[in-house]
Amino acid sequence: MSVELELAVNNWASAWVAQDFDKYLQSYSTALILPPNLEFSQWKVSRKKKLSKPKFIEVLLSDVKVVLNSNNEAVVRFVQRYRSNT
């Protein structure tokens, strides 16, 4: 399962870099925990604008660590470096 989770995180980052909003969005659950008074549909519109605005996006992931627990849950931690022209 660790390999699959690491691949999912890398796919998320790759979609972000490619500014492929549909693939990027597939990495998120509609049950995403958002700030109070922010609906998923509002978040989605906001993210789409932010993703399409830059001329380039660079996302570098390092120190990816997957921790599996006994409740059939996992935590993925990583260091993310983000850069764009905006």
N, C-alpha and C. Protein backbone atom coordinates (compact mmCIF):
# COMPACT_ATOMS: atom_id res chain seq x y z
N MET A 1 0.82 -1.20 0.00
CA MET A 1 0.00 0.00 0.00
C MET A 1 0.86 1.26 0.00
N SER A 2 2.03 1.21 0.61
CA SER A 2 2.90 2.39 0.66
C SER A 2 3.27 2.88 -0.73
N VAL A 3 3.56 1.95 -1.62
CA VAL A 3 3.95 2.31 -2.98
C VAL A 3 2.79 3.01 -3.69
N GLU A 4 1.57 2.48 -3.52
CA GLU A 4 0.40 3.08 -4.15
C GLU A 4 0.13 4.48 -3.63
N LEU A 5 0.31 4.68 -2.33
CA LEU A 5 0.08 6.01 -1.74
C LEU A 5 1.13 7.00 -2.22
N GLU A 6 2.36 6.56 -2.28
CA GLU A 6 3.42 7.44 -2.78
C GLU A 6 3.16 7.81 -4.24
N LEU A 7 2.70 6.85 -5.02
CA LEU A 7 2.36 7.11 -6.42
C LEU A 7 1.20 8.11 -6.52
N ALA A 8 0.21 7.98 -5.66
CA ALA A 8 -0.93 8.91 -5.65
C ALA A 8 -0.48 10.33 -5.36
N VAL A 9 0.43 10.49 -4.41
CA VAL A 9 0.95 11.82 -4.08
C VAL A 9 1.74 12.39 -5.26
N ASN A 10 2.54 11.55 -5.89
CA ASN A 10 3.31 12.01 -7.05
C ASN A 10 2.39 12.37 -8.23
N ASN A 11 1.32 11.61 -8.41
CA ASN A 11 0.35 11.93 -9.47
C ASN A 11 -0.34 13.26 -9.20
N TRP A 12 -0.66 13.53 -7.93
CA TRP A 12 -1.26 14.81 -7.54
C TRP A 12 -0.32 15.96 -7.89
N ALA A 13 0.95 15.81 -7.52
CA ALA A 13 1.94 16.86 -7.80
C ALA A 13 2.13 17.03 -9.31
N SER A 14 2.18 15.94 -10.04
CA SER A 14 2.36 16.01 -11.50
C SER A 14 1.18 16.71 -12.17
N ALA A 15 -0.03 16.42 -11.72
CA ALA A 15 -1.22 17.09 -12.27
C ALA A 15 -1.17 18.58 -11.97
N TRP A 16 -0.69 18.94 -10.79
CA TRP A 16 -0.57 20.35 -10.40
C TRP A 16 0.41 21.06 -11.34
N VAL A 17 1.58 20.43 -11.53
CA VAL A 17 2.61 21.01 -12.39
C VAL A 17 2.09 21.14 -13.83
N ALA A 18 1.37 20.15 -14.30
CA ALA A 18 0.83 20.16 -15.66
C ALA A 18 -0.39 21.08 -15.78
N GLN A 19 -0.84 21.60 -14.65
CA GLN A 19 -2.03 22.45 -14.59
C GLN A 19 -3.24 21.75 -15.20
N ASP A 20 -3.29 20.44 -14.95
CA ASP A 20 -4.39 19.60 -15.41
C ASP A 20 -5.41 19.52 -14.28
N PHE A 21 -6.36 20.43 -14.30
CA PHE A 21 -7.27 20.57 -13.17
C PHE A 21 -8.09 19.32 -12.92
N ASP A 22 -8.56 18.65 -13.97
CA ASP A 22 -9.38 17.45 -13.77
C ASP A 22 -8.60 16.36 -13.04
N LYS A 23 -7.36 16.11 -13.46
CA LYS A 23 -6.53 15.10 -12.78
C LYS A 23 -6.18 15.56 -11.36
N TYR A 24 -5.89 16.84 -11.21
CA TYR A 24 -5.58 17.41 -9.89
C TYR A 24 -6.75 17.19 -8.94
N LEU A 25 -7.95 17.48 -9.42
CA LEU A 25 -9.15 17.36 -8.60
C LEU A 25 -9.43 15.92 -8.19
N GLN A 26 -9.06 14.97 -9.03
CA GLN A 26 -9.27 13.55 -8.71
C GLN A 26 -8.51 13.12 -7.46
N SER A 27 -7.53 13.89 -7.04
CA SER A 27 -6.76 13.56 -5.84
C SER A 27 -7.48 13.95 -4.56
N TYR A 28 -8.58 14.66 -4.68
CA TYR A 28 -9.30 15.17 -3.52
C TYR A 28 -10.64 14.49 -3.34
N SER A 29 -11.03 14.31 -2.10
CA SER A 29 -12.34 13.78 -1.75
C SER A 29 -13.33 14.93 -1.62
N THR A 30 -14.58 14.68 -1.94
CA THR A 30 -15.61 15.70 -1.71
C THR A 30 -15.84 15.89 -0.21
N ALA A 31 -15.29 14.99 0.59
CA ALA A 31 -15.36 15.11 2.05
C ALA A 31 -14.16 15.86 2.61
N LEU A 32 -13.43 16.53 1.74
CA LEU A 32 -12.27 17.33 2.15
C LEU A 32 -12.67 18.28 3.27
N ILE A 33 -11.86 18.35 4.30
CA ILE A 33 -12.15 19.25 5.43
C ILE A 33 -11.71 20.65 5.04
N LEU A 34 -12.67 21.54 4.96
CA LEU A 34 -12.44 22.92 4.53
C LEU A 34 -12.75 23.88 5.66
N PRO A 35 -12.31 25.12 5.53
CA PRO A 35 -12.65 26.12 6.55
C PRO A 35 -14.18 26.26 6.66
N PRO A 36 -14.65 26.69 7.82
CA PRO A 36 -16.09 26.89 7.98
C PRO A 36 -16.63 27.83 6.90
N ASN A 37 -17.85 27.59 6.49
CA ASN A 37 -18.55 28.41 5.50
C ASN A 37 -17.96 28.32 4.09
N LEU A 38 -17.14 27.32 3.83
CA LEU A 38 -16.61 27.13 2.48
C LEU A 38 -17.07 25.76 1.98
N GLU A 39 -17.87 25.77 0.95
CA GLU A 39 -18.37 24.54 0.35
C GLU A 39 -17.33 23.98 -0.62
N PHE A 40 -17.40 22.67 -0.85
CA PHE A 40 -16.47 22.04 -1.78
C PHE A 40 -16.56 22.69 -3.16
N SER A 41 -17.77 23.00 -3.61
CA SER A 41 -17.94 23.61 -4.94
C SER A 41 -17.25 24.98 -5.02
N GLN A 42 -17.28 25.74 -3.93
CA GLN A 42 -16.60 27.04 -3.90
C GLN A 42 -15.08 26.84 -3.94
N TRP A 43 -14.61 25.88 -3.15
CA TRP A 43 -13.19 25.57 -3.11
C TRP A 43 -12.70 25.16 -4.50
N LYS A 44 -13.51 24.34 -5.17
CA LYS A 44 -13.16 23.85 -6.50
C LYS A 44 -13.00 25.01 -7.50
N VAL A 45 -13.91 25.96 -7.49
CA VAL A 45 -13.83 27.12 -8.38
C VAL A 45 -12.57 27.93 -8.08
N SER A 46 -12.30 28.13 -6.80
CA SER A 46 -11.12 28.89 -6.38
C SER A 46 -9.83 28.20 -6.81
N ARG A 47 -9.75 26.89 -6.60
CA ARG A 47 -8.55 26.14 -6.97
C ARG A 47 -8.34 26.16 -8.48
N LYS A 48 -9.42 26.06 -9.24
CA LYS A 48 -9.29 26.07 -10.70
C LYS A 48 -8.70 27.39 -11.17
N LYS A 49 -9.15 28.49 -10.60
CA LYS A 49 -8.60 29.81 -10.96
C LYS A 49 -7.12 29.88 -10.61
N LYS A 50 -6.77 29.41 -9.41
CA LYS A 50 -5.37 29.48 -8.96
C LYS A 50 -4.47 28.57 -9.78
N LEU A 51 -5.01 27.45 -10.22
CA LEU A 51 -4.21 26.50 -10.98
C LEU A 51 -3.98 26.98 -12.42
N SER A 52 -4.93 27.71 -12.96
CA SER A 52 -4.82 28.13 -14.36
C SER A 52 -4.11 29.47 -14.54
N LYS A 53 -3.94 30.22 -13.46
CA LYS A 53 -3.37 31.57 -13.55
C LYS A 53 -1.87 31.60 -13.91
N PRO A 54 -1.02 30.82 -13.23
CA PRO A 54 0.42 30.92 -13.52
C PRO A 54 0.79 30.43 -14.92
N LYS A 55 1.87 30.99 -15.45
CA LYS A 55 2.40 30.50 -16.72
C LYS A 55 3.14 29.19 -16.51
N PHE A 56 3.69 29.02 -15.31
CA PHE A 56 4.33 27.74 -14.97
C PHE A 56 4.17 27.48 -13.48
N ILE A 57 4.16 26.21 -13.15
CA ILE A 57 4.13 25.77 -11.75
C ILE A 57 5.19 24.69 -11.60
N GLU A 58 5.94 24.80 -10.54
CA GLU A 58 6.95 23.79 -10.21
C GLU A 58 6.65 23.29 -8.80
N VAL A 59 6.50 21.98 -8.66
CA VAL A 59 6.27 21.37 -7.36
C VAL A 59 7.29 20.26 -7.20
N LEU A 60 8.11 20.37 -6.18
CA LEU A 60 9.11 19.34 -5.90
C LEU A 60 8.79 18.72 -4.55
N LEU A 61 8.68 17.40 -4.52
CA LEU A 61 8.42 16.67 -3.29
C LEU A 61 9.68 15.95 -2.86
N SER A 62 9.92 15.95 -1.55
CA SER A 62 11.05 15.20 -1.01
C SER A 62 10.66 14.62 0.34
N ASP A 63 11.47 13.73 0.83
CA ASP A 63 11.27 13.09 2.14
C ASP A 63 9.85 12.53 2.29
N VAL A 64 9.37 11.86 1.25
CA VAL A 64 8.02 11.27 1.31
C VAL A 64 8.07 10.07 2.24
N LYS A 65 7.19 10.09 3.24
CA LYS A 65 7.12 9.00 4.21
C LYS A 65 5.67 8.58 4.37
N VAL A 66 5.43 7.27 4.31
CA VAL A 66 4.09 6.72 4.49
C VAL A 66 4.09 5.91 5.77
N VAL A 67 3.14 6.21 6.65
CA VAL A 67 2.99 5.47 7.91
C VAL A 67 1.61 4.83 7.89
N LEU A 68 1.59 3.50 7.96
CA LEU A 68 0.33 2.76 8.01
C LEU A 68 0.02 2.44 9.46
N ASN A 69 -1.24 2.60 9.86
CA ASN A 69 -1.60 2.23 11.22
C ASN A 69 -2.55 1.05 11.22
N SER A 70 -2.90 0.60 12.41
CA SER A 70 -3.70 -0.62 12.54
C SER A 70 -5.17 -0.41 12.20
N ASN A 71 -5.61 0.81 12.02
CA ASN A 71 -7.01 1.09 11.69
C ASN A 71 -7.25 1.14 10.19
N ASN A 72 -6.35 0.55 9.42
CA ASN A 72 -6.44 0.58 7.96
C ASN A 72 -6.43 2.02 7.44
N GLU A 73 -5.66 2.85 8.10
CA GLU A 73 -5.48 4.24 7.71
C GLU A 73 -3.99 4.48 7.46
N ALA A 74 -3.71 5.56 6.76
CA ALA A 74 -2.32 5.90 6.48
C ALA A 74 -2.14 7.41 6.59
N VAL A 75 -0.92 7.78 6.92
CA VAL A 75 -0.53 9.19 6.93
C VAL A 75 0.66 9.31 5.98
N VAL A 76 0.56 10.25 5.05
CA VAL A 76 1.67 10.50 4.13
C VAL A 76 2.19 11.89 4.44
N ARG A 77 3.48 11.96 4.73
CA ARG A 77 4.13 13.24 5.02
C ARG A 77 5.23 13.47 4.00
N PHE A 78 5.39 14.74 3.65
CA PHE A 78 6.43 15.08 2.69
C PHE A 78 6.76 16.55 2.80
N VAL A 79 7.91 16.90 2.25
CA VAL A 79 8.31 18.29 2.13
C VAL A 79 7.97 18.70 0.70
N GLN A 80 7.30 19.84 0.59
CA GLN A 80 6.88 20.33 -0.73
C GLN A 80 7.52 21.69 -0.98
N ARG A 81 8.15 21.81 -2.14
CA ARG A 81 8.65 23.12 -2.57
C ARG A 81 7.82 23.53 -3.78
N TYR A 82 7.25 24.72 -3.71
CA TYR A 82 6.38 25.24 -4.76
C TYR A 82 6.98 26.51 -5.33
N ARG A 83 6.90 26.63 -6.64
CA ARG A 83 7.37 27.86 -7.29
C ARG A 83 6.53 28.09 -8.53
N SER A 84 6.20 29.36 -8.77
CA SER A 84 5.49 29.73 -10.00
C SER A 84 5.87 31.17 -10.34
N ASN A 85 5.35 31.64 -11.45
CA ASN A 85 5.64 33.02 -11.83
C ASN A 85 4.69 34.02 -11.17
N THR A 86 3.75 33.54 -10.37
CA THR A 86 2.82 34.47 -9.70
C THR A 86 3.08 34.53 -8.21
